[in-house]
Each structure stands twice: as structure tokens, then as C-alpha cells.
C-alpha atoms as a PDB file:
ATOM      1  CA  ALA A   1     139.008 168.076 148.878  1.00  0.00           C
ATOM      2  CA  VAL A   2     135.752 167.617 146.973  1.00  0.00           C
ATOM      3  CA  GLN A   3     133.045 166.847 149.380  1.00  0.00           C
ATOM      4  CA  LEU A   4     130.342 164.522 148.229  1.00  0.00           C
ATOM      5  CA  ALA A   5     126.797 165.753 148.282  1.00  0.00           C
ATOM      6  CA  GLN A   6     124.977 165.324 151.485  1.00  0.00           C
ATOM      7  CA  THR A   7     121.260 164.803 151.389  1.00  0.00           C
ATOM      8  CA  GLN A   8     118.632 165.317 154.013  1.00  0.00           C
ATOM      9  CA  ARG A   9     115.398 163.334 154.147  1.00  0.00           C
ATOM     10  CA  ALA A  10     112.327 165.488 153.800  1.00  0.00           C
ATOM     11  CA  ALA A  11     108.955 164.855 155.360  1.00  0.00           C
ATOM     12  CA  PRO A  12     106.524 162.465 153.555  1.00  0.00           C
ATOM     13  CA  ARG A  13     104.786 164.370 150.722  1.00  0.00           C
ATOM     14  CA  LEU A  14     101.008 164.130 150.247  1.00  0.00           C
ATOM     15  CA  TRP A  15     100.137 162.986 146.652  1.00  0.00           C
ATOM     16  CA  VAL A  16      96.587 161.661 146.533  1.00  0.00           C
ATOM     17  CA  THR A  17      94.830 161.203 149.815  1.00  0.00           C
ATOM     18  CA  PRO A  18      95.792 161.254 153.470  1.00  0.00           C
ATOM     19  CA  ALA A  19      95.994 157.425 153.350  1.00  0.00           C
ATOM     20  CA  GLN A  20      98.304 157.406 150.345  1.00  0.00           C
ATOM     21  CA  GLN A  21     101.649 159.076 151.053  1.00  0.00           C
ATOM     22  CA  ARG A  22     104.767 158.747 148.873  1.00  0.00           C
ATOM     23  CA  TRP A  23     108.358 159.676 149.804  1.00  0.00           C
ATOM     24  CA  ALA A  24     109.627 162.399 147.544  1.00  0.00           C
ATOM     25  CA  SER A  25     113.360 162.594 146.686  1.00  0.00           C
ATOM     26  CA  SER A  26     115.155 164.806 149.153  1.00  0.00           C
ATOM     27  CA  LEU A  27     116.566 168.083 148.000  1.00  0.00           C
ATOM     28  CA  PRO A  28     120.348 167.898 147.886  1.00  0.00           C
ATOM     29  CA  MET A  29     122.528 170.813 149.271  1.00  0.00           C
ATOM     30  CA  ASN A  30     124.655 172.794 146.906  1.00  0.00           C
ATOM     31  CA  THR A  31     128.272 171.681 147.672  1.00  0.00           C
ATOM     32  CA  LEU A  32     129.851 173.016 144.490  1.00  0.00           C
ATOM     33  CA  VAL A  33     130.302 169.480 143.052  1.00  0.00           C
ATOM     34  CA  LEU A  34     127.201 167.294 142.672  1.00  0.00           C
ATOM     35  CA  PHE A  35     126.580 163.810 141.387  1.00  0.00           C
ATOM     36  CA  VAL A  36     123.033 163.419 139.867  1.00  0.00           C
ATOM     37  CA  PRO A  37     121.745 159.802 139.837  1.00  0.00           C
ATOM     38  CA  GLN A  38     120.497 158.131 136.698  1.00  0.00           C
ATOM     39  CA  GLN A  39     116.749 158.729 135.864  1.00  0.00           C
ATOM     40  CA  GLU A  40     116.512 161.803 137.902  1.00  0.00           C
ATOM     41  CA  ALA A  41     116.301 165.540 136.873  1.00  0.00           C
ATOM     42  CA  TRP A  42     117.490 168.190 139.299  1.00  0.00           C
ATOM     43  CA  VAL A  43     115.911 171.686 138.659  1.00  0.00           C
ATOM     44  CA  VAL A  44     118.316 174.473 139.551  1.00  0.00           C
ATOM     45  CA  GLU A  45     117.375 178.042 140.284  1.00  0.00           C
ATOM     46  CA  ARG A  46     119.852 180.949 140.276  1.00  0.00           C
ATOM     47  CA  MET A  47     118.924 183.921 142.453  1.00  0.00           C
ATOM     48  CA  GLY A  48     115.256 182.606 142.566  1.00  0.00           C
ATOM     49  CA  ARG A  49     114.846 182.145 138.738  1.00  0.00           C
ATOM     50  CA  PHE A  50     115.024 179.005 136.738  1.00  0.00           C
ATOM     51  CA  HIS A  51     118.621 178.420 135.559  1.00  0.00           C
ATOM     52  CA  ARG A  52     119.009 174.832 134.191  1.00  0.00           C
ATOM     53  CA  ILE A  53     118.337 171.196 134.694  1.00  0.00           C
ATOM     54  CA  LEU A  54     121.183 169.014 135.810  1.00  0.00           C
ATOM     55  CA  GLU A  55     121.841 165.827 133.796  1.00  0.00           C
ATOM     56  CA  PRO A  56     122.835 162.524 135.384  1.00  0.00           C
ATOM     57  CA  GLY A  57     126.480 162.395 136.336  1.00  0.00           C
ATOM     58  CA  LEU A  58     129.026 165.044 137.393  1.00  0.00           C
ATOM     59  CA  ASN A  59     127.760 168.641 137.666  1.00  0.00           C
ATOM     60  CA  PHE A  60     129.110 171.943 139.121  1.00  0.00           C
ATOM     61  CA  LEU A  61     127.118 174.724 140.824  1.00  0.00           C
ATOM     62  CA  ILE A  62     128.012 178.075 142.304  1.00  0.00           C
ATOM     63  CA  PRO A  63     127.379 178.032 146.005  1.00  0.00           C
ATOM     64  CA  LEU A  64     124.938 180.667 147.454  1.00  0.00           C
ATOM     65  CA  LEU A  65     123.724 181.688 143.936  1.00  0.00           C
ATOM     66  CA  ASP A  66     122.545 178.360 142.720  1.00  0.00           C
ATOM     67  CA  ARG A  67     119.923 176.325 144.512  1.00  0.00           C
ATOM     68  CA  ILE A  68     118.405 172.873 143.787  1.00  0.00           C
ATOM     69  CA  ARG A  69     114.647 173.651 143.799  1.00  0.00           C
ATOM     70  CA  TYR A  70     113.087 170.455 142.466  1.00  0.00           C
ATOM     71  CA  VAL A  71     114.073 166.817 142.079  1.00  0.00           C
ATOM     72  CA  GLN A  72     111.966 164.954 139.477  1.00  0.00           C
ATOM     73  CA  SER A  73     111.993 161.238 138.969  1.00  0.00           C
ATOM     74  CA  LEU A  74     111.950 160.173 135.303  1.00  0.00           C
ATOM     75  CA  LYS A  75     110.936 156.594 136.109  1.00  0.00           C
ATOM     76  CA  GLU A  76     107.412 155.271 135.467  1.00  0.00           C
ATOM     77  CA  ILE A  77     105.188 156.035 138.391  1.00  0.00           C
ATOM     78  CA  VAL A  78     102.330 153.968 139.568  1.00  0.00           C
ATOM     79  CA  ILE A  79      99.484 155.659 141.440  1.00  0.00           C
ATOM     80  CA  ASP A  80      96.397 154.002 142.934  1.00  0.00           C
ATOM     81  CA  VAL A  81      93.243 155.930 142.056  1.00  0.00           C
ATOM     82  CA  PRO A  82      90.978 155.804 145.078  1.00  0.00           C
ATOM     83  CA  GLU A  83      87.521 154.240 144.883  1.00  0.00           C
ATOM     84  CA  GLN A  84      84.779 156.653 143.758  1.00  0.00           C
ATOM     85  CA  SER A  85      81.173 156.484 142.884  1.00  0.00           C
ATOM     86  CA  ALA A  86      79.904 157.066 139.356  1.00  0.00           C
ATOM     87  CA  VAL A  87      76.511 156.880 137.634  1.00  0.00           C
ATOM     88  CA  SER A  88      76.100 155.009 134.375  1.00  0.00           C
ATOM     89  CA  LEU A  89      73.848 155.933 131.463  1.00  0.00           C
ATOM     90  CA  ASP A  90      71.030 153.748 132.775  1.00  0.00           C
ATOM     91  CA  ASN A  91      71.206 155.442 136.253  1.00  0.00           C
ATOM     92  CA  VAL A  92      73.104 152.656 138.079  1.00  0.00           C
ATOM     93  CA  THR A  93      75.486 153.849 140.817  1.00  0.00           C
ATOM     94  CA  LEU A  94      78.860 152.130 140.652  1.00  0.00           C
ATOM     95  CA  GLN A  95      81.880 152.052 142.890  1.00  0.00           C
ATOM     96  CA  ILE A  96      85.157 151.906 140.865  1.00  0.00           C
ATOM     97  CA  ASP A  97      88.766 152.270 141.413  1.00  0.00           C
ATOM     98  CA  GLY A  98      91.881 152.032 139.185  1.00  0.00           C
ATOM     99  CA  VAL A  99      95.667 152.235 138.614  1.00  0.00           C
ATOM    100  CA  LEU A 100      97.352 155.037 136.843  1.00  0.00           C
ATOM    101  CA  TYR A 101     100.795 154.694 135.140  1.00  0.00           C
ATOM    102  CA  LEU A 102     102.459 157.915 134.189  1.00  0.00           C
ATOM    103  CA  ARG A 103     105.912 159.252 133.497  1.00  0.00           C
ATOM    104  CA  ILE A 104     107.347 162.812 133.643  1.00  0.00           C
ATOM    105  CA  LEU A 105     108.626 163.831 130.153  1.00  0.00           C
ATOM    106  CA  ASP A 106     109.391 167.505 130.859  1.00  0.00           C
ATOM    107  CA  PRO A 107     110.864 168.266 134.271  1.00  0.00           C
ATOM    108  CA  PHE A 108     110.496 172.050 133.768  1.00  0.00           C
ATOM    109  CA  LYS A 109     106.737 171.835 133.041  1.00  0.00           C
ATOM    110  CA  ALA A 110     106.318 169.406 135.895  1.00  0.00           C
ATOM    111  CA  SER A 111     107.980 171.700 138.229  1.00  0.00           C
ATOM    112  CA  TYR A 112     106.526 175.121 137.249  1.00  0.00           C
ATOM    113  CA  GLY A 113     103.292 174.026 135.344  1.00  0.00           C
ATOM    114  CA  VAL A 114     101.410 172.647 138.300  1.00  0.00           C
ATOM    115  CA  GLU A 115     101.778 172.667 142.019  1.00  0.00           C
ATOM    116  CA  ASP A 116     101.511 168.884 142.450  1.00  0.00           C
ATOM    117  CA  PRO A 117     101.562 167.137 139.040  1.00  0.00           C
ATOM    118  CA  GLU A 118     100.707 163.676 140.306  1.00  0.00           C
ATOM    119  CA  TYR A 119      97.848 164.751 142.402  1.00  0.00           C
ATOM    120  CA  ALA A 120      96.472 166.871 139.531  1.00  0.00           C
ATOM    121  CA  VAL A 121      96.601 163.821 137.186  1.00  0.00           C
ATOM    122  CA  THR A 122      94.855 161.589 139.798  1.00  0.00           C
ATOM    123  CA  GLN A 123      92.074 164.078 140.169  1.00  0.00           C
ATOM    124  CA  LEU A 124      91.742 164.468 136.357  1.00  0.00           C
ATOM    125  CA  ALA A 125      91.634 160.603 136.165  1.00  0.00           C
ATOM    126  CA  GLN A 126      88.774 160.518 138.670  1.00  0.00           C
ATOM    127  CA  THR A 127      86.751 163.237 136.879  1.00  0.00           C
ATOM    128  CA  THR A 128      87.409 161.717 133.436  1.00  0.00           C
ATOM    129  CA  MET A 129      86.323 158.246 134.763  1.00  0.00           C
ATOM    130  CA  ARG A 130      82.938 159.597 135.990  1.00  0.00           C
ATOM    131  CA  SER A 131      82.467 161.451 132.635  1.00  0.00           C
ATOM    132  CA  GLU A 132      83.186 158.360 130.546  1.00  0.00           C
ATOM    133  CA  LEU A 133      80.981 156.083 132.723  1.00  0.00           C
ATOM    134  CA  GLY A 134      78.106 158.410 132.336  1.00  0.00           C
ATOM    135  CA  LYS A 135      78.275 157.666 128.576  1.00  0.00           C
ATOM    136  CA  LEU A 136      77.868 153.922 128.898  1.00  0.00           C
ATOM    137  CA  THR A 137      75.196 151.583 130.212  1.00  0.00           C
ATOM    138  CA  LEU A 138      75.919 148.986 132.850  1.00  0.00           C
ATOM    139  CA  ASP A 139      76.305 146.126 130.373  1.00  0.00           C
ATOM    140  CA  LYS A 140      78.697 148.075 128.140  1.00  0.00           C
ATOM    141  CA  VAL A 141      80.874 149.045 131.210  1.00  0.00           C
ATOM    142  CA  PHE A 142      81.814 145.404 131.739  1.00  0.00           C
ATOM    143  CA  ARG A 143      82.076 144.575 127.942  1.00  0.00           C
ATOM    144  CA  GLU A 144      84.161 147.624 126.975  1.00  0.00           C
ATOM    145  CA  ARG A 145      86.635 148.033 129.685  1.00  0.00           C
ATOM    146  CA  GLU A 146      89.672 148.272 127.183  1.00  0.00           C
ATOM    147  CA  SER A 147      87.954 151.121 125.264  1.00  0.00           C
ATOM    148  CA  LEU A 148      86.996 152.794 128.459  1.00  0.00           C
ATOM    149  CA  ASN A 149      90.601 152.657 129.653  1.00  0.00           C
ATOM    150  CA  SER A 150      91.927 154.026 126.340  1.00  0.00           C
ATOM    151  CA  ASN A 151      89.443 156.896 126.369  1.00  0.00           C
ATOM    152  CA  ILE A 152      90.471 157.795 129.879  1.00  0.00           C
ATOM    153  CA  VAL A 153      94.216 157.821 128.847  1.00  0.00           C
ATOM    154  CA  HIS A 154      93.445 159.917 125.777  1.00  0.00           C
ATOM    155  CA  SER A 155      91.551 162.491 127.893  1.00  0.00           C
ATOM    156  CA  ILE A 156      94.193 162.677 130.478  1.00  0.00           C
ATOM    157  CA  ASN A 157      97.033 163.214 127.945  1.00  0.00           C
ATOM    158  CA  GLN A 158      95.115 166.014 126.228  1.00  0.00           C
ATOM    159  CA  ALA A 159      95.052 167.972 129.544  1.00  0.00           C
ATOM    160  CA  SER A 160      98.420 166.927 131.018  1.00  0.00           C
ATOM    161  CA  ASP A 161     100.655 168.153 128.075  1.00  0.00           C
ATOM    162  CA  ASP A 162     101.067 171.455 129.840  1.00  0.00           C
ATOM    163  CA  TRP A 163     102.204 169.666 132.970  1.00  0.00           C
ATOM    164  CA  GLY A 164     105.045 167.713 131.295  1.00  0.00           C
ATOM    165  CA  ILE A 165     103.334 164.366 132.195  1.00  0.00           C
ATOM    166  CA  ARG A 166     102.515 161.501 129.879  1.00  0.00           C
ATOM    167  CA  CYS A 167      99.818 159.001 130.976  1.00  0.00           C
ATOM    168  CA  LEU A 168     100.909 155.542 129.748  1.00  0.00           C
ATOM    169  CA  ARG A 169      98.102 153.336 130.906  1.00  0.00           C
ATOM    170  CA  TYR A 170      95.058 153.302 133.060  1.00  0.00           C
ATOM    171  CA  GLU A 171      93.625 150.083 134.352  1.00  0.00           C
ATOM    172  CA  ILE A 172      90.316 149.566 136.061  1.00  0.00           C
ATOM    173  CA  LYS A 173      90.839 147.392 139.197  1.00  0.00           C
ATOM    174  CA  ASP A 174      87.401 146.712 140.577  1.00  0.00           C
ATOM    175  CA  ILE A 175      83.843 147.571 139.702  1.00  0.00           C
ATOM    176  CA  HIS A 176      81.340 147.230 142.513  1.00  0.00           C
ATOM    177  CA  VAL A 177      77.580 147.311 141.817  1.00  0.00           C
ATOM    178  CA  PRO A 178      74.668 147.521 144.321  1.00  0.00           C
ATOM    179  CA  PRO A 179      73.512 144.222 145.742  1.00  0.00           C
ATOM    180  CA  ARG A 180      70.075 144.387 144.139  1.00  0.00           C
ATOM    181  CA  VAL A 181      71.618 145.101 140.735  1.00  0.00           C
ATOM    182  CA  LYS A 182      74.019 142.271 141.194  1.00  0.00           C
ATOM    183  CA  GLU A 183      71.072 139.902 142.001  1.00  0.00           C
ATOM    184  CA  SER A 184      69.274 141.106 138.925  1.00  0.00           C
ATOM    185  CA  MET A 185      72.354 140.534 136.771  1.00  0.00           C
ATOM    186  CA  GLN A 186      72.765 136.988 138.157  1.00  0.00           C
ATOM    187  CA  MET A 187      69.104 136.303 137.341  1.00  0.00           C
ATOM    188  CA  GLN A 188      69.666 137.660 133.879  1.00  0.00           C
ATOM    189  CA  VAL A 189      72.708 135.446 133.362  1.00  0.00           C
ATOM    190  CA  GLU A 190      70.778 132.388 134.585  1.00  0.00           C
ATOM    191  CA  ALA A 191      67.804 133.202 132.274  1.00  0.00           C
ATOM    192  CA  GLU A 192      70.253 133.694 129.355  1.00  0.00           C
ATOM    193  CA  ARG A 193      71.799 130.285 130.093  1.00  0.00           C
ATOM    194  CA  LYS A 194      68.436 128.587 130.229  1.00  0.00           C
ATOM    195  CA  LYS A 195      67.446 130.273 127.049  1.00  0.00           C
ATOM    196  CA  ARG A 196      70.572 129.064 125.377  1.00  0.00           C
ATOM    197  CA  ALA A 197      70.003 125.561 126.664  1.00  0.00           C
ATOM    198  CA  THR A 198      66.389 125.598 125.453  1.00  0.00           C
ATOM    199  CA  VAL A 199      67.430 126.810 122.030  1.00  0.00           C
ATOM    200  CA  LEU A 200      70.196 124.144 121.789  1.00  0.00           C
ATOM    201  CA  GLU A 201      67.715 121.418 122.887  1.00  0.00           C
ATOM    202  CA  SER A 202      65.136 122.474 120.331  1.00  0.00           C
ATOM    203  CA  GLU A 203      67.809 122.673 117.650  1.00  0.00           C
ATOM    204  CA  GLY A 204      68.882 119.224 118.532  1.00  0.00           C
ATOM    205  CA  THR A 205      65.390 117.924 118.445  1.00  0.00           C
ATOM    206  CA  ARG A 206      64.814 119.603 115.020  1.00  0.00           C
ATOM    207  CA  GLU A 207      68.051 118.174 113.643  1.00  0.00           C
ATOM    208  CA  ALA A 208      67.080 114.700 114.921  1.00  0.00           C
ATOM    209  CA  ALA A 209      63.630 114.966 113.269  1.00  0.00           C
ATOM    210  CA  ILE A 210      65.253 116.163 110.065  1.00  0.00           C
ATOM    211  CA  ASN A 211      67.691 113.274 110.130  1.00  0.00           C
ATOM    212  CA  VAL A 212      64.856 110.771 110.771  1.00  0.00           C
ATOM    213  CA  ALA A 213      62.711 112.286 108.009  1.00  0.00           C
ATOM    214  CA  GLU A 214      65.662 112.278 105.634  1.00  0.00           C
ATOM    215  CA  GLY A 215      66.386 108.732 106.453  1.00  0.00           C
ATOM    216  CA  ARG A 216      62.873 107.687 105.824  1.00  0.00           C
ATOM    217  CA  LYS A 217      62.823 109.521 102.551  1.00  0.00           C
ATOM    218  CA  GLN A 218      66.022 107.918 101.402  1.00  0.00           C
ATOM    219  CA  ALA A 219      64.681 104.525 102.426  1.00  0.00           C
ATOM    220  CA  GLN A 220      61.549 105.015 100.391  1.00  0.00           C
ATOM    221  CA  ILE A 221      63.513 106.233  97.422  1.00  0.00           C
ATOM    222  CA  LEU A 222      65.791 103.206  97.606  1.00  0.00           C
ATOM    223  CA  ALA A 223      62.730 100.845  98.045  1.00  0.00           C
ATOM    224  CA  SER A 224      60.937 102.442  95.079  1.00  0.00           C
ATOM    225  CA  GLU A 225      64.083 102.124  92.995  1.00  0.00           C
ATOM    226  CA  GLY A 226      64.420  98.487  93.999  1.00  0.00           C
ATOM    227  CA  GLU A 227      60.770  97.799  93.262  1.00  0.00           C
ATOM    228  CA  LYS A 228      61.213  99.629  89.865  1.00  0.00           C
ATOM    229  CA  ALA A 229      64.237  97.634  89.027  1.00  0.00           C
ATOM    230  CA  GLU A 230      62.471  94.400  89.992  1.00  0.00           C
ATOM    231  CA  ARG A 231      59.486  95.169  87.797  1.00  0.00           C
ATOM    232  CA  ILE A 232      61.783  96.066  84.958  1.00  0.00           C
ATOM    233  CA  ASN A 233      63.635  92.781  85.364  1.00  0.00           C
ATOM    234  CA  ASN A 234      60.410  90.859  85.634  1.00  0.00           C
ATOM    235  CA  ALA A 235      59.079  92.583  82.464  1.00  0.00           C
ATOM    236  CA  ASN A 236      62.243  91.905  80.616  1.00  0.00           C
ATOM    237  CA  GLY A 237      62.077  88.272  81.723  1.00  0.00           C
ATOM    238  CA  GLU A 238      58.443  87.919  80.666  1.00  0.00           C
ATOM    239  CA  ALA A 239      59.137  89.602  77.264  1.00  0.00           C
ATOM    240  CA  GLN A 240      62.125  87.244  76.721  1.00  0.00           C
ATOM    241  CA  ALA A 241      59.933  84.271  77.725  1.00  0.00           C
ATOM    242  CA  VAL A 242      57.137  85.267  75.280  1.00  0.00           C
ATOM    243  CA  LEU A 243      59.775  85.756  72.589  1.00  0.00           C
ATOM    244  CA  LEU A 244      61.373  82.322  73.318  1.00  0.00           C
ATOM    245  CA  LYS A 245      57.918  80.719  73.285  1.00  0.00           C
ATOM    246  CA  ALA A 246      56.962  82.377  70.137  1.00  0.00           C
ATOM    247  CA  GLU A 247      60.166  81.349  68.498  1.00  0.00           C
ATOM    248  CA  ALA A 248      59.777  77.758  69.746  1.00  0.00           C
ATOM    249  CA  LYS A 249      56.162  77.622  68.462  1.00  0.00           C
ATOM    250  CA  SER A 250      57.340  79.083  65.130  1.00  0.00           C
ATOM    251  CA  LYS A 251      60.028  76.439  64.915  1.00  0.00           C
ATOM    252  CA  ALA A 252      57.584  73.674  65.874  1.00  0.00           C
ATOM    253  CA  ILE A 253      55.050  74.823  63.224  1.00  0.00           C
ATOM    254  CA  ARG A 254      57.797  74.929  60.637  1.00  0.00           C
ATOM    255  CA  VAL A 255      59.011  71.471  61.575  1.00  0.00           C
ATOM    256  CA  LEU A 256      55.399  70.152  61.554  1.00  0.00           C
ATOM    257  CA  SER A 257      54.753  71.718  58.139  1.00  0.00           C
ATOM    258  CA  GLU A 258      57.857  70.001  56.809  1.00  0.00           C
ATOM    259  CA  ALA A 259      56.878  66.756  58.334  1.00  0.00           C
ATOM    260  CA  LEU A 260      53.383  66.926  56.747  1.00  0.00           C
ATOM    261  CA  SER A 261      54.879  67.757  53.293  1.00  0.00           C
ATOM    262  CA  GLU A 262      56.858  64.517  53.439  1.00  0.00           C
ATOM    263  CA  GLN A 263      55.561  61.019  52.333  1.00  0.00           C
ATOM    264  CA  ASN A 264      53.055  59.481  54.759  1.00  0.00           C
ATOM    265  CA  GLY A 265      53.017  62.707  56.879  1.00  0.00           C
ATOM    266  CA  ASN A 266      49.255  62.948  56.890  1.00  0.00           C
ATOM    267  CA  ALA A 267      49.007  59.434  58.347  1.00  0.00           C
ATOM    268  CA  ALA A 268      51.360  60.189  61.161  1.00  0.00           C
ATOM    269  CA  ALA A 269      49.499  63.392  61.935  1.00  0.00           C
ATOM    270  CA  SER A 270      46.193  61.406  61.928  1.00  0.00           C
ATOM    271  CA  LEU A 271      47.736  58.952  64.389  1.00  0.00           C
ATOM    272  CA  THR A 272      48.971  61.753  66.692  1.00  0.00           C
ATOM    273  CA  VAL A 273      45.596  63.473  66.670  1.00  0.00           C
ATOM    274  CA  ALA A 274      43.808  60.174  67.367  1.00  0.00           C
ATOM    275  CA  GLU A 275      46.034  59.609  70.366  1.00  0.00           C
ATOM    276  CA  GLN A 276      45.395  63.141  71.836  1.00  0.00           C
ATOM    277  CA  TYR A 277      41.671  62.601  71.182  1.00  0.00           C
ATOM    278  CA  VAL A 278      41.605  59.419  73.320  1.00  0.00           C
ATOM    279  CA  SER A 279      43.759  60.984  75.995  1.00  0.00           C
ATOM    280  CA  ALA A 280      41.416  64.024  76.210  1.00  0.00           C
ATOM    281  CA  PHE A 281      38.376  61.846  76.649  1.00  0.00           C
ATOM    282  CA  SER A 282      40.136  59.846  79.403  1.00  0.00           C
ATOM    283  CA  ASN A 283      41.046  63.059  81.303  1.00  0.00           C
ATOM    284  CA  LEU A 284      37.426  64.248  81.097  1.00  0.00           C
ATOM    285  CA  ALA A 285      36.364  61.064  82.748  1.00  0.00           C
ATOM    286  CA  LYS A 286      38.804  61.434  85.633  1.00  0.00           C
ATOM    287  CA  GLU A 287      37.902  65.174  86.359  1.00  0.00           C
ATOM    288  CA  SER A 288      34.022  64.922  86.271  1.00  0.00           C
ATOM    289  CA  ASN A 289      31.213  62.481  86.408  1.00  0.00           C
ATOM    290  CA  THR A 290      29.281  64.247  83.654  1.00  0.00           C
ATOM    291  CA  ILE A 291      30.803  63.838  80.119  1.00  0.00           C
ATOM    292  CA  LEU A 292      29.469  65.349  76.885  1.00  0.00           C
ATOM    293  CA  LEU A 293      30.250  63.290  73.902  1.00  0.00           C
ATOM    294  CA  PRO A 294      29.690  64.001  70.174  1.00  0.00           C
ATOM    295  CA  THR A 295      27.093  61.898  68.259  1.00  0.00           C
ATOM    296  CA  ASN A 296      29.721  60.140  66.256  1.00  0.00           C
ATOM    297  CA  ALA A 297      32.280  59.527  69.066  1.00  0.00           C
ATOM    298  CA  GLY A 298      32.788  56.030  67.790  1.00  0.00           C
ATOM    299  CA  ASP A 299      33.746  57.159  64.261  1.00  0.00           C
ATOM    300  CA  MET A 300      37.431  58.016  64.876  1.00  0.00           C
ATOM    301  CA  SER A 301      38.289  58.404  61.216  1.00  0.00           C
ATOM    302  CA  SER A 302      35.584  61.033  60.684  1.00  0.00           C
ATOM    303  CA  MET A 303      36.747  63.010  63.780  1.00  0.00           C
ATOM    304  CA  VAL A 304      40.351  63.054  62.426  1.00  0.00           C
ATOM    305  CA  THR A 305      39.121  64.162  59.015  1.00  0.00           C
ATOM    306  CA  GLN A 306      37.110  66.978  60.588  1.00  0.00           C
ATOM    307  CA  VAL A 307      40.185  68.177  62.480  1.00  0.00           C
ATOM    308  CA  PHE A 308      42.348  68.320  59.336  1.00  0.00           C
ATOM    309  CA  LEU A 309      39.536  70.007  57.354  1.00  0.00           C
ATOM    310  CA  ALA A 310      39.077  72.603  60.128  1.00  0.00           C
END
């Protein structure tokens, strides 16, 4: 009968720090017929030398000659990068930690290329983090976290190709700054907010003054246009009135001339002049106590004759 593979639990394997321990897959015993789980790669050695990598499913091995030396997980692995200190470009000491996401792509390189691939990648991430932070100032560290993460992943992948590991992502968890630096940053933020508030207030005052001035300007323009239109209308009215008066006077003179040319026209004109003469003297008497009279005021006919002769 075919006996199923019996596994034995190994002791916890140290990956990063004494506080972080991860259970590694136990090494199965060679029982001639083996069943490899999905997303696992079993590295087999024959008489101490690498022989082959078992694929998931049913596999056969020769007892005593073949030995399962390594069991590598092909799943995505998440590793906490412990907190470390780093100095920025402007000489500020930071305490920073992160999370590393990686996956084993080549079980052979991961088994024989490095003693502990995950530990090696973690140490590489720490050193790369310190190196990248030394290139940035404190303000840029907070603003360019995405570019910082991508630079760290790129640097790790360049060095981990020989280990058969691919770094998928690196995320910065927390960045701790010294208390005094934190206070100065808060003061800077408050000053920046006050500055923005002052600028916005001044811009509002300027806009209000511009609007008031623009309103006054428009009002003056409208008032001047109204006054101009009024003067034009008055001038047009006065001109029309003068024209109408001139036309009326012209018609009156024409009618008077026609009347004088008729029979007894001079007599009627003499009568009209005499009436106006008398009316004028009566008005002078009403307006003033002093009256200047011509020497021949009583000779009405001579006065009328002088008017026509003039």
C-alpha cells in the first residue's frame, strides 16, 4: 500500500529579528510517493547534489538516494521591516519602519543563492531606506513617499535577482521625528496657514476696492452720458424752438406785408401802432413814478408817421 507522506514540524525559523519569528514549512520524509501542495516548490537533492524541483501534485522519489532539502513557498510573503534610525539630507534623525512584500520566483536560487533569502532582503531594505532618506530633506520625505517607496523597490530588485526573489512593494508605515522638530513643523504649518489667511484677506480687500472703484467709474460714466444726452436733447429742443420762432416770425412778416399791400392796409397798421403806443405809455406809468415823454406826445399822427418812415 502507498503510504501518504508524513511531515514533522520543525522548530521556528528566525527570519528578521528575535521578536519576529515565522514558521517555515516542515521538510517531508521521502516515502517513495509524495503529494506536493499547490504554491509550494520542493527542492530535491540526490546523493547531496541538486537533482530537481518537484511540481505540485503526484511525484515519485527513490528512497535513501533522494532527499527533500528545501521547501519554498511561492505565495506572496509579507515581512515587517523593524524600526530604524536614518538621517535626512538636512541632518534630521528619523525613526522609520515599513512593510515589505516579496515573492520567490526561482526556488533554486532562493535555496542555494543565499542562506536566508527573506532575512537578506529585509537587511537590504533597511540599508536602502537609510541611503534613500539621506538624499532627501525632511519636507520632501513626507511629500515624496511614493517615489521613495518605488526607489527602494527598484534598488532591492537589482540586488535580489541572484537570490530568485522579486520585491513587489515596499510601504512606509510610520515616520517619527524628534519632538523639537515636530514642534517647529507645527509652528511652520501654523505660520503658513496665517500667511495664507492674510493673503486671502488682502486679496479680498483688494477685490472689494476694485469692485467699488469700478462701480463708481461706471456710475460716473453713466451719469456723464446721461448729462450729455440731456444737453443734446436741450440743444436740439432750443434749436427747433428757434427755427419754429423764425418760421413763425417769417410767416407773420409775410402776412403783414400782404396785409399792408391791400386797400386801407396803412390805415389799419396806423391804428394798431397807435393802440400799442398808448398801451406802452400806460405800462410805463404802472411800473415807475418817473416817465420820460417826447415833446410831441400829444401829436399821435406825427408819431405814427415817424414809425412808418423809420
